[in-house]
Amino acid sequence: MPAIQLSSAAREAIRDALITYCREELDHDIGRLEAVLMTDFLTEEIAPFYYNQGLYDAQRAIDTRIDSLKDAVFDLEQPKGIL
């Protein structure tokens, strides 16, 4: 499976967020290169866990909706007449 692909704008936003986070929360300045390397690491090694969890959550939501639709169709069943 190919690595998760991000747009240039998304990569830049992540990079900038990492720079800001490190500066404000860790009191440590990192440069653009370090932020790009960290973005690559997060995208390749960490993001797939979140991506897969999103797929599992979506599948569970779909299954719930399908069950609801099955119930709605079952509710349409007409009572059987007496023979």
PDB file of N, CA and C in Angstrom:
ATOM      1  N   MET A   1       0.849  -1.171   0.000  1.00  0.00           N
ATOM      2  CA  MET A   1       0.000   0.000   0.000  1.00  0.00           C
ATOM      3  C   MET A   1       0.896   1.235   0.000  1.00  0.00           C
ATOM      4  N   PRO A   2       0.605   2.193  -0.836  1.00  0.00           N
ATOM      5  CA  PRO A   2       1.439   3.397  -0.871  1.00  0.00           C
ATOM      6  C   PRO A   2       1.267   4.218   0.401  1.00  0.00           C
ATOM      7  N   ALA A   3       2.287   4.997   0.687  1.00  0.00           N
ATOM      8  CA  ALA A   3       2.235   5.870   1.857  1.00  0.00           C
ATOM      9  C   ALA A   3       1.090   6.864   1.708  1.00  0.00           C
ATOM     10  N   ILE A   4       0.642   7.370   2.822  1.00  0.00           N
ATOM     11  CA  ILE A   4      -0.419   8.374   2.801  1.00  0.00           C
ATOM     12  C   ILE A   4       0.098   9.602   2.069  1.00  0.00           C
ATOM     13  N   GLN A   5      -0.671  10.055   1.101  1.00  0.00           N
ATOM     14  CA  GLN A   5      -0.279  11.209   0.293  1.00  0.00           C
ATOM     15  C   GLN A   5      -0.967  12.461   0.834  1.00  0.00           C
ATOM     16  N   LEU A   6      -0.171  13.486   1.074  1.00  0.00           N
ATOM     17  CA  LEU A   6      -0.693  14.760   1.544  1.00  0.00           C
ATOM     18  C   LEU A   6      -0.420  15.824   0.501  1.00  0.00           C
ATOM     19  N   SER A   7      -1.306  16.775   0.413  1.00  0.00           N
ATOM     20  CA  SER A   7      -1.078  17.900  -0.493  1.00  0.00           C
ATOM     21  C   SER A   7       0.068  18.750   0.048  1.00  0.00           C
ATOM     22  N   SER A   8       0.628  19.556  -0.823  1.00  0.00           N
ATOM     23  CA  SER A   8       1.696  20.460  -0.395  1.00  0.00           C
ATOM     24  C   SER A   8       1.207  21.392   0.701  1.00  0.00           C
ATOM     25  N   ALA A   9      -0.022  21.873   0.564  1.00  0.00           N
ATOM     26  CA  ALA A   9      -0.576  22.778   1.570  1.00  0.00           C
ATOM     27  C   ALA A   9      -0.705  22.078   2.923  1.00  0.00           C
ATOM     28  N   ALA A  10      -1.128  20.819   2.912  1.00  0.00           N
ATOM     29  CA  ALA A  10      -1.259  20.068   4.160  1.00  0.00           C
ATOM     30  C   ALA A  10       0.111  19.843   4.788  1.00  0.00           C
ATOM     31  N   ARG A  11       1.086  19.478   3.970  1.00  0.00           N
ATOM     32  CA  ARG A  11       2.443  19.263   4.485  1.00  0.00           C
ATOM     33  C   ARG A  11       2.998  20.542   5.101  1.00  0.00           C
ATOM     34  N   GLU A  12       2.777  21.671   4.446  1.00  0.00           N
ATOM     35  CA  GLU A  12       3.252  22.954   4.974  1.00  0.00           C
ATOM     36  C   GLU A  12       2.547  23.293   6.284  1.00  0.00           C
ATOM     37  N   ALA A  13       1.248  23.021   6.356  1.00  0.00           N
ATOM     38  CA  ALA A  13       0.498  23.308   7.584  1.00  0.00           C
ATOM     39  C   ALA A  13       1.016  22.456   8.745  1.00  0.00           C
ATOM     40  N   ILE A  14       1.286  21.188   8.471  1.00  0.00           N
ATOM     41  CA  ILE A  14       1.829  20.300   9.503  1.00  0.00           C
ATOM     42  C   ILE A  14       3.206  20.779   9.924  1.00  0.00           C
ATOM     43  N   ARG A  15       4.042  21.101   8.952  1.00  0.00           N
ATOM     44  CA  ARG A  15       5.391  21.603   9.246  1.00  0.00           C
ATOM     45  C   ARG A  15       5.316  22.825  10.143  1.00  0.00           C
ATOM     46  N   ASP A  16       4.482  23.790   9.769  1.00  0.00           N
ATOM     47  CA  ASP A  16       4.369  25.018  10.548  1.00  0.00           C
ATOM     48  C   ASP A  16       3.817  24.738  11.950  1.00  0.00           C
ATOM     49  N   ALA A  17       2.866  23.817  12.034  1.00  0.00           N
ATOM     50  CA  ALA A  17       2.315  23.457  13.342  1.00  0.00           C
ATOM     51  C   ALA A  17       3.375  22.832  14.235  1.00  0.00           C
ATOM     52  N   LEU A  18       4.229  22.003  13.651  1.00  0.00           N
ATOM     53  CA  LEU A  18       5.307  21.386  14.431  1.00  0.00           C
ATOM     54  C   LEU A  18       6.300  22.432  14.930  1.00  0.00           C
ATOM     55  N   ILE A  19       6.649  23.369  14.080  1.00  0.00           N
ATOM     56  CA  ILE A  19       7.569  24.437  14.475  1.00  0.00           C
ATOM     57  C   ILE A  19       6.967  25.226  15.638  1.00  0.00           C
ATOM     58  N   THR A  20       5.701  25.583  15.501  1.00  0.00           N
ATOM     59  CA  THR A  20       5.022  26.349  16.551  1.00  0.00           C
ATOM     60  C   THR A  20       4.909  25.537  17.839  1.00  0.00           C
ATOM     61  N   TYR A  21       4.524  24.274  17.719  1.00  0.00           N
ATOM     62  CA  TYR A  21       4.375  23.420  18.891  1.00  0.00           C
ATOM     63  C   TYR A  21       5.692  23.291  19.647  1.00  0.00           C
ATOM     64  N   CYS A  22       6.750  23.010  18.930  1.00  0.00           N
ATOM     65  CA  CYS A  22       8.052  22.844  19.582  1.00  0.00           C
ATOM     66  C   CYS A  22       8.485  24.129  20.283  1.00  0.00           C
ATOM     67  N   ARG A  23       8.236  25.251  19.650  1.00  0.00           N
ATOM     68  CA  ARG A  23       8.629  26.530  20.232  1.00  0.00           C
ATOM     69  C   ARG A  23       7.782  26.863  21.462  1.00  0.00           C
ATOM     70  N   GLU A  24       6.456  26.720  21.343  1.00  0.00           N
ATOM     71  CA  GLU A  24       5.562  27.152  22.416  1.00  0.00           C
ATOM     72  C   GLU A  24       5.417  26.143  23.548  1.00  0.00           C
ATOM     73  N   GLU A  25       5.393  24.872  23.218  1.00  0.00           N
ATOM     74  CA  GLU A  25       5.140  23.857  24.238  1.00  0.00           C
ATOM     75  C   GLU A  25       6.417  23.228  24.795  1.00  0.00           C
ATOM     76  N   LEU A  26       7.431  23.128  23.974  1.00  0.00           N
ATOM     77  CA  LEU A  26       8.669  22.470  24.398  1.00  0.00           C
ATOM     78  C   LEU A  26       9.799  23.459  24.639  1.00  0.00           C
ATOM     79  N   ASP A  27       9.529  24.726  24.350  1.00  0.00           N
ATOM     80  CA  ASP A  27      10.544  25.773  24.483  1.00  0.00           C
ATOM     81  C   ASP A  27      11.827  25.385  23.736  1.00  0.00           C
ATOM     82  N   HIS A  28      11.608  24.877  22.503  1.00  0.00           N
ATOM     83  CA  HIS A  28      12.717  24.409  21.676  1.00  0.00           C
ATOM     84  C   HIS A  28      12.449  24.836  20.232  1.00  0.00           C
ATOM     85  N   ASP A  29      13.367  25.548  19.671  1.00  0.00           N
ATOM     86  CA  ASP A  29      13.218  25.966  18.273  1.00  0.00           C
ATOM     87  C   ASP A  29      13.767  24.897  17.338  1.00  0.00           C
ATOM     88  N   ILE A  30      12.965  24.558  16.345  1.00  0.00           N
ATOM     89  CA  ILE A  30      13.434  23.654  15.298  1.00  0.00           C
ATOM     90  C   ILE A  30      13.324  24.404  13.978  1.00  0.00           C
ATOM     91  N   GLY A  31      14.165  24.031  13.052  1.00  0.00           N
ATOM     92  CA  GLY A  31      14.153  24.654  11.742  1.00  0.00           C
ATOM     93  C   GLY A  31      13.208  23.945  10.798  1.00  0.00           C
ATOM     94  N   ARG A  32      13.118  24.496   9.605  1.00  0.00           N
ATOM     95  CA  ARG A  32      12.233  23.917   8.590  1.00  0.00           C
ATOM     96  C   ARG A  32      12.649  22.489   8.232  1.00  0.00           C
ATOM     97  N   LEU A  33      13.948  22.244   8.110  1.00  0.00           N
ATOM     98  CA  LEU A  33      14.414  20.901   7.752  1.00  0.00           C
ATOM     99  C   LEU A  33      13.990  19.883   8.802  1.00  0.00           C
ATOM    100  N   GLU A  34      14.193  20.206  10.067  1.00  0.00           N
ATOM    101  CA  GLU A  34      13.795  19.283  11.128  1.00  0.00           C
ATOM    102  C   GLU A  34      12.282  19.055  11.111  1.00  0.00           C
ATOM    103  N   ALA A  35      11.546  20.120  10.869  1.00  0.00           N
ATOM    104  CA  ALA A  35      10.088  19.993  10.822  1.00  0.00           C
ATOM    105  C   ALA A  35       9.642  19.146   9.633  1.00  0.00           C
ATOM    106  N   VAL A  36      10.313  19.308   8.486  1.00  0.00           N
ATOM    107  CA  VAL A  36       9.981  18.489   7.314  1.00  0.00           C
ATOM    108  C   VAL A  36      10.299  17.024   7.585  1.00  0.00           C
ATOM    109  N   LEU A  37      11.448  16.755   8.199  1.00  0.00           N
ATOM    110  CA  LEU A  37      11.813  15.372   8.522  1.00  0.00           C
ATOM    111  C   LEU A  37      10.827  14.767   9.512  1.00  0.00           C
ATOM    112  N   MET A  38      10.405  15.562  10.497  1.00  0.00           N
ATOM    113  CA  MET A  38       9.437  15.072  11.463  1.00  0.00           C
ATOM    114  C   MET A  38       8.084  14.835  10.793  1.00  0.00           C
ATOM    115  N   THR A  39       7.701  15.708   9.883  1.00  0.00           N
ATOM    116  CA  THR A  39       6.459  15.528   9.136  1.00  0.00           C
ATOM    117  C   THR A  39       6.508  14.234   8.334  1.00  0.00           C
ATOM    118  N   ASP A  40       7.625  13.985   7.681  1.00  0.00           N
ATOM    119  CA  ASP A  40       7.777  12.737   6.924  1.00  0.00           C
ATOM    120  C   ASP A  40       7.658  11.530   7.831  1.00  0.00           C
ATOM    121  N   PHE A  41       8.311  11.597   8.997  1.00  0.00           N
ATOM    122  CA  PHE A  41       8.254  10.487   9.946  1.00  0.00           C
ATOM    123  C   PHE A  41       6.815  10.249  10.415  1.00  0.00           C
ATOM    124  N   LEU A  42       6.149  11.318  10.815  1.00  0.00           N
ATOM    125  CA  LEU A  42       4.775  11.185  11.289  1.00  0.00           C
ATOM    126  C   LEU A  42       3.858  10.627  10.204  1.00  0.00           C
ATOM    127  N   THR A  43       4.044  11.096   8.977  1.00  0.00           N
ATOM    128  CA  THR A  43       3.212  10.650   7.865  1.00  0.00           C
ATOM    129  C   THR A  43       3.442   9.177   7.549  1.00  0.00           C
ATOM    130  N   GLU A  44       4.682   8.758   7.578  1.00  0.00           N
ATOM    131  CA  GLU A  44       5.011   7.382   7.200  1.00  0.00           C
ATOM    132  C   GLU A  44       4.819   6.376   8.332  1.00  0.00           C
ATOM    133  N   GLU A  45       5.098   6.783   9.560  1.00  0.00           N
ATOM    134  CA  GLU A  45       5.121   5.820  10.661  1.00  0.00           C
ATOM    135  C   GLU A  45       3.930   5.907  11.604  1.00  0.00           C
ATOM    136  N   ILE A  46       3.380   7.076  11.795  1.00  0.00           N
ATOM    137  CA  ILE A  46       2.326   7.262  12.781  1.00  0.00           C
ATOM    138  C   ILE A  46       0.947   7.395  12.133  1.00  0.00           C
ATOM    139  N   ALA A  47       0.860   8.178  11.075  1.00  0.00           N
ATOM    140  CA  ALA A  47      -0.427   8.460  10.438  1.00  0.00           C
ATOM    141  C   ALA A  47      -1.204   7.198  10.030  1.00  0.00           C
ATOM    142  N   PRO A  48      -0.547   6.134   9.573  1.00  0.00           N
ATOM    143  CA  PRO A  48      -1.325   4.944   9.188  1.00  0.00           C
ATOM    144  C   PRO A  48      -2.186   4.381  10.317  1.00  0.00           C
ATOM    145  N   PHE A  49      -1.745   4.510  11.568  1.00  0.00           N
ATOM    146  CA  PHE A  49      -2.555   4.039  12.685  1.00  0.00           C
ATOM    147  C   PHE A  49      -3.857   4.824  12.768  1.00  0.00           C
ATOM    148  N   TYR A  50      -3.753   6.145  12.613  1.00  0.00           N
ATOM    149  CA  TYR A  50      -4.948   6.995  12.657  1.00  0.00           C
ATOM    150  C   TYR A  50      -5.822   6.778  11.420  1.00  0.00           C
ATOM    151  N   TYR A  51      -5.191   6.624  10.289  1.00  0.00           N
ATOM    152  CA  TYR A  51      -5.916   6.372   9.039  1.00  0.00           C
ATOM    153  C   TYR A  51      -6.727   5.077   9.157  1.00  0.00           C
ATOM    154  N   ASN A  52      -6.069   4.025   9.629  1.00  0.00           N
ATOM    155  CA  ASN A  52      -6.751   2.737   9.770  1.00  0.00           C
ATOM    156  C   ASN A  52      -7.882   2.821  10.782  1.00  0.00           C
ATOM    157  N   GLN A  53      -7.660   3.542  11.885  1.00  0.00           N
ATOM    158  CA  GLN A  53      -8.733   3.699  12.868  1.00  0.00           C
ATOM    159  C   GLN A  53      -9.919   4.416  12.242  1.00  0.00           C
ATOM    160  N   GLY A  54      -9.648   5.402  11.408  1.00  0.00           N
ATOM    161  CA  GLY A  54     -10.718   6.094  10.700  1.00  0.00           C
ATOM    162  C   GLY A  54     -11.498   5.154   9.800  1.00  0.00           C
ATOM    163  N   LEU A  55     -10.783   4.243   9.129  1.00  0.00           N
ATOM    164  CA  LEU A  55     -11.467   3.247   8.295  1.00  0.00           C
ATOM    165  C   LEU A  55     -12.337   2.325   9.139  1.00  0.00           C
ATOM    166  N   TYR A  56     -11.815   1.885  10.286  1.00  0.00           N
ATOM    167  CA  TYR A  56     -12.597   1.010  11.159  1.00  0.00           C
ATOM    168  C   TYR A  56     -13.837   1.734  11.663  1.00  0.00           C
ATOM    169  N   ASP A  57     -13.669   2.998  12.043  1.00  0.00           N
ATOM    170  CA  ASP A  57     -14.805   3.786  12.527  1.00  0.00           C
ATOM    171  C   ASP A  57     -15.845   3.975  11.424  1.00  0.00           C
ATOM    172  N   ALA A  58     -15.386   4.234  10.209  1.00  0.00           N
ATOM    173  CA  ALA A  58     -16.305   4.402   9.079  1.00  0.00           C
ATOM    174  C   ALA A  58     -17.046   3.094   8.804  1.00  0.00           C
ATOM    175  N   GLN A  59     -16.344   1.976   8.848  1.00  0.00           N
ATOM    176  CA  GLN A  59     -16.977   0.678   8.614  1.00  0.00           C
ATOM    177  C   GLN A  59     -18.042   0.403   9.671  1.00  0.00           C
ATOM    178  N   ARG A  60     -17.732   0.723  10.919  1.00  0.00           N
ATOM    179  CA  ARG A  60     -18.697   0.526  12.001  1.00  0.00           C
ATOM    180  C   ARG A  60     -19.931   1.413  11.779  1.00  0.00           C
ATOM    181  N   ALA A  61     -19.722   2.658  11.352  1.00  0.00           N
ATOM    182  CA  ALA A  61     -20.841   3.567  11.076  1.00  0.00           C
ATOM    183  C   ALA A  61     -21.692   3.043   9.930  1.00  0.00           C
ATOM    184  N   ILE A  62     -21.044   2.531   8.880  1.00  0.00           N
ATOM    185  CA  ILE A  62     -21.773   1.964   7.743  1.00  0.00           C
ATOM    186  C   ILE A  62     -22.571   0.750   8.184  1.00  0.00           C
ATOM    187  N   ASP A  63     -21.946  -0.113   8.974  1.00  0.00           N
ATOM    188  CA  ASP A  63     -22.654  -1.311   9.459  1.00  0.00           C
ATOM    189  C   ASP A  63     -23.880  -0.926  10.281  1.00  0.00           C
ATOM    190  N   THR A  64     -23.752   0.097  11.108  1.00  0.00           N
ATOM    191  CA  THR A  64     -24.875   0.562  11.920  1.00  0.00           C
ATOM    192  C   THR A  64     -25.999   1.070  11.032  1.00  0.00           C
ATOM    193  N   ARG A  65     -25.653   1.838  10.003  1.00  0.00           N
ATOM    194  CA  ARG A  65     -26.673   2.356   9.083  1.00  0.00           C
ATOM    195  C   ARG A  65     -27.343   1.231   8.309  1.00  0.00           C
ATOM    196  N   ILE A  66     -26.552   0.261   7.876  1.00  0.00           N
ATOM    197  CA  ILE A  66     -27.123  -0.872   7.126  1.00  0.00           C
ATOM    198  C   ILE A  66     -28.083  -1.645   8.023  1.00  0.00           C
ATOM    199  N   ASP A  67     -27.692  -1.872   9.280  1.00  0.00           N
ATOM    200  CA  ASP A  67     -28.592  -2.563  10.206  1.00  0.00           C
ATOM    201  C   ASP A  67     -29.891  -1.781  10.383  1.00  0.00           C
ATOM    202  N   SER A  68     -29.770  -0.462  10.461  1.00  0.00           N
ATOM    203  CA  SER A  68     -30.957   0.392  10.601  1.00  0.00           C
ATOM    204  C   SER A  68     -31.852   0.283   9.365  1.00  0.00           C
ATOM    205  N   LEU A  69     -31.237   0.267   8.186  1.00  0.00           N
ATOM    206  CA  LEU A  69     -32.012   0.112   6.950  1.00  0.00           C
ATOM    207  C   LEU A  69     -32.691  -1.255   6.886  1.00  0.00           C
ATOM    208  N   LYS A  70     -31.984  -2.287   7.306  1.00  0.00           N
ATOM    209  CA  LYS A  70     -32.589  -3.630   7.322  1.00  0.00           C
ATOM    210  C   LYS A  70     -33.801  -3.651   8.243  1.00  0.00           C
ATOM    211  N   ASP A  71     -33.667  -3.002   9.412  1.00  0.00           N
ATOM    212  CA  ASP A  71     -34.790  -2.938  10.344  1.00  0.00           C
ATOM    213  C   ASP A  71     -35.963  -2.186   9.729  1.00  0.00           C
ATOM    214  N   ALA A  72     -35.679  -1.093   9.019  1.00  0.00           N
ATOM    215  CA  ALA A  72     -36.742  -0.303   8.391  1.00  0.00           C
ATOM    216  C   ALA A  72     -37.470  -1.119   7.334  1.00  0.00           C
ATOM    217  N   VAL A  73     -36.730  -1.897   6.562  1.00  0.00           N
ATOM    218  CA  VAL A  73     -37.356  -2.746   5.547  1.00  0.00           C
ATOM    219  C   VAL A  73     -38.182  -3.836   6.223  1.00  0.00           C
ATOM    220  N   PHE A  74     -37.657  -4.438   7.270  1.00  0.00           N
ATOM    221  CA  PHE A  74     -38.387  -5.471   7.991  1.00  0.00           C
ATOM    222  C   PHE A  74     -39.692  -4.914   8.558  1.00  0.00           C
ATOM    223  N   ASP A  75     -39.649  -3.652   9.025  1.00  0.00           N
ATOM    224  CA  ASP A  75     -40.851  -3.016   9.579  1.00  0.00           C
ATOM    225  C   ASP A  75     -41.937  -2.825   8.520  1.00  0.00           C
ATOM    226  N   LEU A  76     -41.591  -2.854   7.260  1.00  0.00           N
ATOM    227  CA  LEU A  76     -42.563  -2.711   6.181  1.00  0.00           C
ATOM    228  C   LEU A  76     -43.339  -4.002   5.914  1.00  0.00           C
ATOM    229  N   GLU A  77     -42.885  -5.086   6.501  1.00  0.00           N
ATOM    230  CA  GLU A  77     -43.537  -6.368   6.271  1.00  0.00           C
ATOM    231  C   GLU A  77     -45.004  -6.277   6.707  1.00  0.00           C
ATOM    232  N   GLN A  78     -45.866  -6.806   5.878  1.00  0.00           N
ATOM    233  CA  GLN A  78     -47.307  -6.803   6.139  1.00  0.00           C
ATOM    234  C   GLN A  78     -47.652  -8.016   6.988  1.00  0.00           C
ATOM    235  N   PRO A  79     -48.643  -7.845   7.845  1.00  0.00           N
ATOM    236  CA  PRO A  79     -49.058  -9.012   8.637  1.00  0.00           C
ATOM    237  C   PRO A  79     -49.635 -10.078   7.705  1.00  0.00           C
ATOM    238  N   LYS A  80     -49.394 -11.294   8.037  1.00  0.00           N
ATOM    239  CA  LYS A  80     -49.887 -12.402   7.225  1.00  0.00           C
ATOM    240  C   LYS A  80     -51.367 -12.614   7.493  1.00  0.00           C
ATOM    241  N   GLY A  81     -52.090 -12.837   6.406  1.00  0.00           N
ATOM    242  CA  GLY A  81     -53.532 -13.102   6.557  1.00  0.00           C
ATOM    243  C   GLY A  81     -53.773 -14.502   7.069  1.00  0.00           C
ATOM    244  N   ILE A  82     -54.919 -14.693   7.591  1.00  0.00           N
ATOM    245  CA  ILE A  82     -55.276 -16.028   8.078  1.00  0.00           C
ATOM    246  C   ILE A  82     -55.757 -16.852   6.888  1.00  0.00           C
ATOM    247  N   LEU A  83     -55.174 -18.021   6.747  1.00  0.00           N
ATOM    248  CA  LEU A  83     -55.556 -18.890   5.621  1.00  0.00           C
ATOM    249  C   LEU A  83     -56.741 -19.728   5.954  1.00  0.00           C
TER     250      LEU A  83
END
